[in-house]
C-alpha cells in the first residue's frame, strides 16, 4: 500500500473511534440520569420516616419515599448540583456545621408534612 493510503486509513479509524466515543458518552449520561426516576413498585412506597439515616443521600430518600429530590433540596436550602452524591451527614457538616442533625431532622419533617393522610382502619360491619 502507498503511504498516503495508510495515513488516510489510520486517520479515518481514529476519527471513527473519536466519534463513537463522543456520541457514546452523550448517550450514557442521560441513561445514568434515568436510572433513579422509575416509579416505585405498587405497595412498596416507604412511609416510616424513622428509618431515614444520616448516611443516606437525598436522591436515595427521594426515590424510597416517592418525593421529588428537588423539593427535599429546597427544604434544606442546599443546591443540588454537586451535592447529589453526598450523605445527609456530609451535607450537614458542610452547610450547617453548628447545627447537629439539622439536615436529617428537616428532611424527616418535610416528608412527614407532605405525606398523604393514612386512611382510618376499616371497621367490620356487624
Foldseek 3Di string as FASTA:
>chain_A
DDPVVVVVVVVVVVVVVVVCVVVVVVVVVVVVVCPLPDQDDPPQQDQDLVPDDQQDFLSVNCSNNVHDSVVLCVQVVHDPVPRRPGGNQVVCCVPPVPDPCPSSVSSSVVSNVPDDDDDDDDDDDD
